[in-house]
N, C-alpha and C. Protein backbone atom coordinates (compact mmCIF):
# COMPACT_ATOMS: atom_id res chain seq x y z
N MET A 1 152.01 155.99 156.84
CA MET A 1 150.76 155.29 156.69
C MET A 1 149.80 155.77 157.75
N LYS A 2 148.54 155.53 157.54
CA LYS A 2 147.52 155.93 158.51
C LYS A 2 146.98 154.71 159.23
N LEU A 3 146.86 154.85 160.55
CA LEU A 3 146.18 153.85 161.37
C LEU A 3 144.97 154.52 161.98
N ASN A 4 143.93 153.77 162.20
CA ASN A 4 142.74 154.27 162.88
C ASN A 4 142.79 153.81 164.32
N VAL A 5 142.46 154.72 165.22
CA VAL A 5 142.43 154.40 166.65
C VAL A 5 141.00 154.60 167.12
N LYS A 6 140.40 153.52 167.61
CA LYS A 6 139.04 153.59 168.12
C LYS A 6 139.09 153.71 169.63
N THR A 7 138.41 154.73 170.15
CA THR A 7 138.44 155.01 171.58
C THR A 7 137.29 154.30 172.30
N ILE A 8 137.35 154.32 173.60
CA ILE A 8 136.33 153.70 174.43
C ILE A 8 134.97 154.33 174.19
N SER A 9 134.95 155.63 173.95
CA SER A 9 133.69 156.33 173.74
C SER A 9 133.11 156.09 172.34
N GLY A 10 133.85 155.36 171.52
CA GLY A 10 133.35 155.03 170.18
C GLY A 10 133.87 155.93 169.08
N GLY A 11 134.61 156.98 169.45
CA GLY A 11 135.20 157.85 168.44
C GLY A 11 136.37 157.18 167.75
N THR A 12 136.66 157.62 166.55
CA THR A 12 137.78 157.07 165.80
C THR A 12 138.66 158.21 165.30
N TYR A 13 139.96 158.05 165.48
CA TYR A 13 140.94 159.04 165.03
C TYR A 13 141.89 158.38 164.05
N ALA A 14 142.23 159.10 162.99
CA ALA A 14 143.25 158.63 162.05
C ALA A 14 144.57 159.29 162.45
N ILE A 15 145.61 158.48 162.56
CA ILE A 15 146.93 159.02 162.90
C ILE A 15 147.95 158.56 161.86
N ASP A 16 148.93 159.41 161.63
CA ASP A 16 150.02 159.08 160.71
C ASP A 16 151.15 158.44 161.49
N VAL A 17 151.60 157.27 161.03
CA VAL A 17 152.70 156.57 161.67
C VAL A 17 153.65 156.03 160.61
N ASN A 18 154.85 155.69 161.05
CA ASN A 18 155.84 155.02 160.19
C ASN A 18 156.02 153.60 160.68
N GLU A 19 156.50 152.74 159.82
CA GLU A 19 156.74 151.35 160.20
C GLU A 19 157.75 151.23 161.34
N THR A 20 158.63 152.21 161.44
CA THR A 20 159.69 152.17 162.45
C THR A 20 159.26 152.79 163.79
N ASP A 21 158.07 153.38 163.84
CA ASP A 21 157.58 153.96 165.09
C ASP A 21 157.28 152.86 166.10
N LYS A 22 157.68 153.10 167.34
CA LYS A 22 157.36 152.17 168.41
C LYS A 22 155.94 152.46 168.91
N ILE A 23 155.34 151.50 169.53
CA ILE A 23 154.00 151.67 170.08
C ILE A 23 154.00 152.79 171.12
N SER A 24 155.09 152.94 171.86
CA SER A 24 155.19 154.04 172.83
C SER A 24 155.12 155.40 172.14
N ASP A 25 155.65 155.50 170.92
CA ASP A 25 155.56 156.74 170.14
C ASP A 25 154.12 157.01 169.71
N ILE A 26 153.43 155.95 169.35
CA ILE A 26 152.03 156.09 168.93
C ILE A 26 151.17 156.57 170.10
N LYS A 27 151.48 156.09 171.29
CA LYS A 27 150.74 156.53 172.47
C LYS A 27 150.91 158.03 172.71
N LYS A 28 152.09 158.56 172.40
CA LYS A 28 152.32 160.00 172.55
C LYS A 28 151.48 160.78 171.54
N ILE A 29 151.35 160.26 170.34
CA ILE A 29 150.51 160.89 169.32
C ILE A 29 149.05 160.89 169.78
N ILE A 30 148.62 159.77 170.33
CA ILE A 30 147.24 159.66 170.83
C ILE A 30 147.01 160.63 171.98
N GLN A 31 148.02 160.80 172.83
CA GLN A 31 147.90 161.73 173.95
C GLN A 31 147.56 163.14 173.46
N GLU A 32 148.14 163.55 172.35
CA GLU A 32 147.86 164.87 171.80
C GLU A 32 146.41 165.00 171.34
N LYS A 33 145.81 163.91 170.91
CA LYS A 33 144.44 163.93 170.39
C LYS A 33 143.39 163.81 171.49
N VAL A 34 143.65 162.94 172.48
CA VAL A 34 142.62 162.66 173.48
C VAL A 34 143.01 163.03 174.91
N ALA A 35 144.17 163.63 175.10
CA ALA A 35 144.64 164.09 176.42
C ALA A 35 144.60 162.97 177.46
N LEU A 36 145.14 161.81 177.07
CA LEU A 36 145.21 160.67 177.98
C LEU A 36 146.67 160.26 178.10
N ASP A 37 147.15 160.25 179.34
CA ASP A 37 148.54 159.91 179.61
C ASP A 37 148.90 158.55 178.99
N PRO A 38 150.04 158.46 178.28
CA PRO A 38 150.45 157.19 177.68
C PRO A 38 150.52 156.02 178.67
N ALA A 39 150.84 156.30 179.92
CA ALA A 39 150.92 155.24 180.93
C ALA A 39 149.55 154.61 181.20
N GLN A 40 148.48 155.32 180.89
CA GLN A 40 147.13 154.81 181.10
C GLN A 40 146.56 154.15 179.85
N GLN A 41 147.28 154.23 178.74
CA GLN A 41 146.79 153.68 177.48
C GLN A 41 147.24 152.25 177.27
N ARG A 42 146.36 151.45 176.72
CA ARG A 42 146.71 150.13 176.21
C ARG A 42 146.14 150.07 174.81
N LEU A 43 146.97 149.68 173.87
CA LEU A 43 146.54 149.55 172.48
C LEU A 43 146.40 148.07 172.15
N VAL A 44 145.29 147.73 171.54
CA VAL A 44 144.97 146.34 171.26
C VAL A 44 144.65 146.18 169.78
N TYR A 45 145.19 145.11 169.20
CA TYR A 45 144.83 144.75 167.84
C TYR A 45 144.61 143.24 167.79
N SER A 46 143.50 142.85 167.25
CA SER A 46 143.17 141.43 167.10
C SER A 46 143.25 140.69 168.43
N GLY A 47 142.77 141.36 169.50
CA GLY A 47 142.71 140.73 170.81
C GLY A 47 144.02 140.69 171.57
N LYS A 48 145.08 141.27 171.02
CA LYS A 48 146.38 141.24 171.68
C LYS A 48 146.83 142.65 172.02
N ILE A 49 147.38 142.81 173.23
CA ILE A 49 147.93 144.10 173.63
C ILE A 49 149.25 144.32 172.90
N LEU A 50 149.39 145.49 172.30
CA LEU A 50 150.61 145.82 171.56
C LEU A 50 151.69 146.27 172.53
N ALA A 51 152.87 145.67 172.44
CA ALA A 51 153.98 145.96 173.34
C ALA A 51 154.61 147.31 173.01
N ASP A 52 154.82 148.12 174.05
CA ASP A 52 155.37 149.47 173.88
C ASP A 52 156.72 149.48 173.18
N ASP A 53 157.55 148.47 173.42
CA ASP A 53 158.92 148.49 172.91
C ASP A 53 159.04 147.91 171.49
N LYS A 54 157.94 147.50 170.91
CA LYS A 54 157.97 146.95 169.54
C LYS A 54 157.47 147.99 168.55
N THR A 55 157.90 147.83 167.30
CA THR A 55 157.52 148.78 166.25
C THR A 55 156.22 148.37 165.57
N VAL A 56 155.72 149.28 164.78
CA VAL A 56 154.53 149.02 163.96
C VAL A 56 154.80 147.80 163.07
N ALA A 57 155.97 147.74 162.45
CA ALA A 57 156.32 146.62 161.57
C ALA A 57 156.39 145.30 162.33
N GLU A 58 156.95 145.33 163.54
CA GLU A 58 157.05 144.11 164.33
C GLU A 58 155.68 143.54 164.70
N HIS A 59 154.71 144.42 164.86
CA HIS A 59 153.34 143.99 165.15
C HIS A 59 152.56 143.70 163.87
N LYS A 60 153.21 143.90 162.71
CA LYS A 60 152.60 143.63 161.40
C LYS A 60 151.35 144.46 161.16
N LEU A 61 151.40 145.71 161.62
CA LEU A 61 150.30 146.64 161.36
C LEU A 61 150.52 147.29 160.00
N THR A 62 149.45 147.44 159.25
CA THR A 62 149.54 148.08 157.94
C THR A 62 148.52 149.20 157.85
N GLY A 63 148.68 150.06 156.88
CA GLY A 63 147.81 151.21 156.70
C GLY A 63 146.35 150.82 156.62
N GLY A 64 145.51 151.61 157.28
CA GLY A 64 144.08 151.39 157.25
C GLY A 64 143.55 150.50 158.37
N MET A 65 144.44 149.84 159.09
CA MET A 65 144.00 148.99 160.20
C MET A 65 143.46 149.85 161.33
N THR A 66 142.58 149.24 162.13
CA THR A 66 142.02 149.92 163.30
C THR A 66 142.50 149.21 164.56
N ILE A 67 143.09 150.01 165.46
CA ILE A 67 143.51 149.48 166.75
C ILE A 67 142.59 150.08 167.82
N GLN A 68 142.40 149.34 168.89
CA GLN A 68 141.53 149.77 169.98
C GLN A 68 142.35 150.43 171.08
N LEU A 69 141.86 151.52 171.61
CA LEU A 69 142.46 152.19 172.75
C LEU A 69 141.63 151.83 173.98
N ILE A 70 142.27 151.19 174.96
CA ILE A 70 141.60 150.89 176.22
C ILE A 70 142.41 151.49 177.36
N LEU A 71 141.79 151.60 178.51
CA LEU A 71 142.47 152.18 179.67
C LEU A 71 143.13 151.09 180.47
N GLN A 72 144.31 151.40 180.99
CA GLN A 72 145.01 150.52 181.92
C GLN A 72 144.37 150.71 183.28
N LEU A 73 143.79 149.67 183.81
CA LEU A 73 143.16 149.75 185.12
C LEU A 73 144.19 149.43 186.18
N LYS A 74 144.19 150.22 187.23
CA LYS A 74 145.09 149.98 188.34
C LYS A 74 144.36 149.12 189.37
N GLY A 75 145.03 148.05 189.77
CA GLY A 75 144.41 147.15 190.73
C GLY A 75 145.22 147.05 191.99
N GLY A 76 144.80 146.19 192.85
CA GLY A 76 145.53 145.98 194.09
C GLY A 76 144.73 146.43 195.29
N LEU A 77 145.30 146.17 196.43
CA LEU A 77 144.62 146.54 197.67
C LEU A 77 145.21 147.78 198.26
């Protein structure tokens, strides 16, 4: 199935995924498209951050949906 990934800059990429793919796998696919380390990526759908260890099916994502790509900000002193 295809998911759309909307980036911070407003661009949108279509990626092919399977229901059994984990979110961490999707981040690797995104890395190939936008050259952003998976550790810096956060994927959000419907206001919720998608957990790396869960699958597409577990998050109830279906073909044609758009997920947001945001950056993981490092904080602290």
